[in-house]
């Protein structure tokens, strides 16, 4: 092969032996790639042609899926928007190429509509008929079960499409081509069940697609990536225990072809000799601060980089992507400091950051190392012996390994004590002294702005909502200027100087980060507050400073009270920023569970596991954790949707508004109204 024209493929990542695939592409004399987005396969092409999106092109859909009625439906789909730039539909590119190759008579002279009319002719209609019926037209087809039993003229039945017209366990077709006519099971090369097992690889590796993405595509889409931020490998709890692995650890999966690093997800339904790795991982997601992975090499997350096709099925040529021997072990470097569940910390230092805000430096009581975290992530904090937990953003740099820092807002300086539940945790944390203990769950969350990239960042914060941005700025100032994001606008609303958290440190960071511009707004300033028209203003947060950045496609991040977040989202979208470029986080008090709910039993479908739930235990996720039952989880505050589980039987309710799908509950926000059966 000397030349290749490829439409919407990613041969480098989607097929095994990625390095060989790349080498094969680089050896071509000429390569053209047509796609909507760049990918590793496109990067080796001589020319990349931009393909239009589905909304920019006309389309003819002949038959849908799911039901017989849908299969019998034909619809013409006109484009919804004008194409942007020089994009073309892939069928236009193919037709134009055919004309240049002298194949016009086979491609209707390049007339796409004529080609569609040719397809529709057996139905007696054309494209113009379908334009008059935008909902589509249905053409019922002859359909019946048991077609093999249809009587023929010779009084025999139709049978099946085999030489004997029977269901053949003994295949005459295979025999005629010189192959064994009977099926047989063949163990993977080196399997522990063969006569020559490879002791280095005692486990069987299978690969699987993530349901959130399409093969190796769309991991750059933040609304999808937030549901599955990291490449996963699933193993049973028994195998995890034998290998010293826990949920959320980074693991090395090794095969004959090399090693790949993936994040552990426990699946009780798996055999403890099986490892299931997700495939298709390479892409970055800048809005969530996720960087691109190498497609091969020691830091790759691409499972196809370590799957080779040395052993193939001799008949079909199929590559054993789901029958490879492997081993799995903990990645000691990437998992350094990680923990699962709860871990005790002590207060190493405390200081006032405003009249109503204290900052706490927390040290692990076990003296062990701490993990890196992404700037903007949070920890769930509780007190020893207490059931209530609350999320607090980490405020320090994401790559300092000796301390975790949080900031806690208490009452306003003139606010009277109250018995309301929302004040319980802040009150207790404000009374902590150096040496007192707290309990933390591992850092998590997806409110993680990028540290690099060409797009400007806009941070909108109200009061203590500055905390996730503190972590971002603290980390950013440790990165070389040429490697970090170039422009950040921070608009911060506070009541006054006495309730302005991190005011001094923010001024230092602004001085040390040339691309950072701050404007602070005091809604109730004191007379001595140095109000001016530039960096410190009176009033509410004003988005006037945002307008000059709009032409450069900014990413917007908002943190504050639910009311502040909702108002700012509305204001920013009114300026023309797409909703998908706006990211928000609002930590509120944990949802209260009505005390009149009855205890329930929650079962896991397909297993013998169950756990009991009671109102005093909190959410479904809280009760499962207390019972030692692993449910999927992520941010723990109802934003990332990582804890979504299918409810097979029973009724539940969420304790607040969530964006959930029908039949699914967010375990961190849900309580049962009846006994439940969940499918993981």
Foldseek 3Di string as FASTA:
>chain_A
DAEEEEEPDDQLQLAFQNVVSLVVLLNHNAYEYEEQDDDPSRVSHPYYAYAFDPLAAKDKDQADDDDLQRRQWIAIRHHNDHTDDPHYHPLLVVQVVCVVVVNCVVVVNSDVQVVQQVVCVVVVDGPVVRVVPRVTDGDHDDDDPPQQQPADPVRHGNAPPAPVSHPDQQHPVCVVVPHRRHDDDDAAVQEPPDPRHDVQFPAWEAEDADPLADQQDDCQQVLSCLLPVWWEKEAAPVLCVVQVHDQQFWKWKAFPQGIAIGGYDYDNLDDRRYMYTYANAFDAHQQLQGHGADSEDDHHNHPSNRADQPDADPPPRHRPNRRGTIDMHTPCVQRFAADADKFKWFFADWDDQFLFKIKTKIFGPVNGKHHFDFQLWWKWKAAVPDQFTFIFHFQAARPDIGITMGMAGADDNPDDDDPDPQRVVSVVVVPGDGGGMMMIGHTFDRNHHHFADAAEEEEEEEQSQCRSVNRSLNNNLVDDQVGGYQAYEYEYEYQEPNRHGPPVVVVVSCVSRVRYDAAYEHAHYDPPGPADDGRYHYRGGDCPVVLVRVVRQHAYEYEDAPVVVVVVLVVVVVSPRDSSSYYYDYTGGQQQFDQPADKAKEAEPPDPDIWIDHNSQGFQCSRCVVVVHDAFDGSLRQDSLNRKWAWPDAAKDFSDDHPDDPRIDRRSGMDGNYHTYTYD
